[in-house]
Protein backbone atom coordinates (compact mmCIF):
# COMPACT_ATOMS: atom_id res chain seq x y z
CA MET A 1 51.06 -48.55 -13.15
CA GLY A 2 53.87 -46.35 -12.04
CA ASN A 3 54.66 -44.41 -8.94
CA GLY A 4 53.48 -40.93 -8.73
CA GLN A 5 50.36 -38.87 -8.99
CA SER A 6 47.27 -40.61 -10.24
CA LYS A 7 45.84 -39.10 -13.38
CA LYS A 8 42.15 -40.13 -12.46
CA HIS A 9 41.70 -38.47 -9.19
CA ARG A 10 42.63 -34.73 -9.14
CA GLY A 11 41.19 -33.26 -6.02
CA GLY A 12 41.47 -29.60 -4.81
CA VAL A 13 41.41 -28.33 -1.34
CA LEU A 14 38.99 -25.43 -2.35
CA LEU A 15 35.67 -27.62 -1.56
CA THR A 16 37.29 -28.83 1.79
CA ALA A 17 38.24 -25.31 2.75
CA VAL A 18 34.89 -23.89 2.06
CA PHE A 19 33.18 -26.74 3.95
CA THR A 20 35.60 -26.09 6.98
CA VAL A 21 34.79 -22.39 6.96
CA VAL A 22 31.11 -22.87 6.60
CA MET A 23 31.03 -25.40 9.69
CA MET A 24 33.14 -23.15 11.69
CA SER A 25 30.89 -20.14 10.93
CA ILE A 26 27.88 -22.08 11.86
CA LEU A 27 29.57 -23.27 15.16
CA LEU A 28 30.45 -19.77 16.07
CA LEU A 29 26.89 -18.64 15.27
CA PHE A 30 25.52 -21.25 17.68
CA LEU A 31 28.05 -20.44 20.35
CA THR A 32 27.31 -16.61 20.30
CA GLU A 33 23.37 -17.18 20.22
CA ASN A 34 23.85 -19.61 23.16
CA TYR A 35 25.85 -16.91 25.11
CA ARG A 36 23.32 -14.17 24.37
CA ILE A 37 20.33 -16.39 25.49
CA GLN A 38 22.10 -17.32 28.67
CA ALA A 39 23.05 -13.68 29.44
CA GLN A 40 19.55 -12.51 28.78
CA PHE A 41 18.15 -15.40 31.04
CA THR A 42 20.55 -14.52 33.87
CA GLN A 43 19.64 -10.86 33.58
CA ARG A 44 15.80 -11.53 33.76
CA THR A 45 16.22 -13.95 36.59
CA ARG A 46 18.09 -11.46 38.64
CA GLN A 47 15.59 -8.94 37.95
CA TYR A 48 12.72 -11.16 38.91
CA TYR A 49 14.12 -11.89 42.16
CA GLU A 50 15.16 -8.15 42.88
CA THR A 51 11.49 -7.40 42.10
CA GLN A 52 10.20 -9.97 44.59
CA ILE A 53 12.53 -8.84 47.29
CA ILE A 54 11.51 -5.18 46.91
CA LYS A 55 7.86 -6.14 47.02
CA GLU A 56 8.39 -8.22 50.20
CA LEU A 57 10.62 -5.48 51.91
CA PHE A 58 7.93 -2.84 51.28
CA LEU A 59 4.92 -5.08 52.44
CA THR A 60 6.87 -5.86 55.63
CA ASP A 61 7.51 -2.18 56.23
CA TYR A 62 4.03 -0.96 55.24
CA GLN A 63 2.10 -3.50 57.31
CA ALA A 64 4.39 -2.82 60.42
CA LEU A 65 2.75 0.72 60.50
CA PRO A 66 -0.48 1.15 62.33
CA GLU A 67 -3.61 1.52 60.08
CA SER A 68 -3.96 5.18 60.83
CA LYS A 69 -0.36 5.95 59.60
CA ARG A 70 -0.55 3.95 56.41
CA PRO A 71 -0.36 6.28 53.30
CA LYS A 72 -2.94 5.59 50.59
CA LYS A 73 -0.37 6.09 47.72
CA GLY A 74 3.20 6.91 47.30
CA GLU A 75 6.59 5.82 46.08
CA ALA A 76 9.40 3.89 47.69
CA ILE A 77 12.91 4.02 46.16
CA TYR A 78 15.30 1.18 46.69
CA ASN A 79 18.90 0.82 45.50
CA GLN A 80 17.90 -1.60 42.81
CA GLY A 81 14.58 -0.24 41.80
CA LYS A 82 11.52 1.82 42.43
CA LEU A 83 8.07 0.77 43.88
CA ASN A 84 4.88 2.69 43.45
CA PHE A 85 1.82 1.84 45.55
CA GLU A 86 -1.79 2.78 45.84
CA LYS A 87 -4.32 1.64 48.37
CA GLU A 88 -7.80 0.54 47.03
CA LYS A 89 -10.17 -0.75 49.79
CA ASP A 90 -8.48 -3.87 51.29
CA TYR A 91 -6.00 -4.12 48.38
CA LEU A 92 -2.65 -2.68 47.73
CA LEU A 93 -1.82 -2.07 44.10
CA LEU A 94 2.07 -2.33 43.70
CA THR A 95 4.03 -1.43 40.63
CA VAL A 96 7.77 -2.45 40.94
CA ASN A 97 10.33 -1.19 38.36
CA VAL A 98 13.77 -2.96 38.18
CA GLY A 99 16.01 -2.20 35.23
CA GLU A 100 13.62 -2.26 32.09
CA GLN A 101 11.30 -4.84 33.76
CA GLU A 102 8.00 -3.69 35.30
CA LYS A 103 5.80 -5.92 37.49
CA LYS A 104 2.38 -5.27 38.80
CA PHE A 105 1.04 -6.84 41.90
CA LYS A 106 -2.29 -6.77 43.89
CA GLU A 107 -1.84 -7.70 47.49
CA THR A 108 -4.41 -8.02 50.25
CA ILE A 109 -3.31 -6.05 53.37
CA SER A 110 -4.29 -7.09 56.75
CA LYS A 111 -5.89 -4.84 59.29
CA THR A 112 -3.95 -4.34 62.45
CA ASP A 113 -4.65 -1.62 65.03
C-alpha cells in the first residue's frame, strides 16, 4: 500500500455539482413562491381594510343626512376606490371597488328625522 491516489474509489464531482444545483434551484423556487404569497396577502389585506374604511366613511356621511335628503341610489368616489349604493326599503345595498377587489354589503339604515 503506497502513498497516493487510491485505485478503488474514483469519484467525480459531477454528481455533487448536479445535486448542489438541484438543491439551490429548489431553495430559490421556495423563496420566490413565499415572496409572491406574502406580497399577495399584503395587497389583499390592504384592499380589505380600504374597503371597510370606504364603507364606514360613506355610512357615516349618509346617515348624517336627514331622511328627506338621502338619495335612493348613486356613486361615491374616494381616492382609493369607488362605492355604488342603492336604497331598498330599510336596507342599503353597497358595492365597493378597490383595485381589482369588489365587495358587496347589505346594511340596515336607521331612520332619523
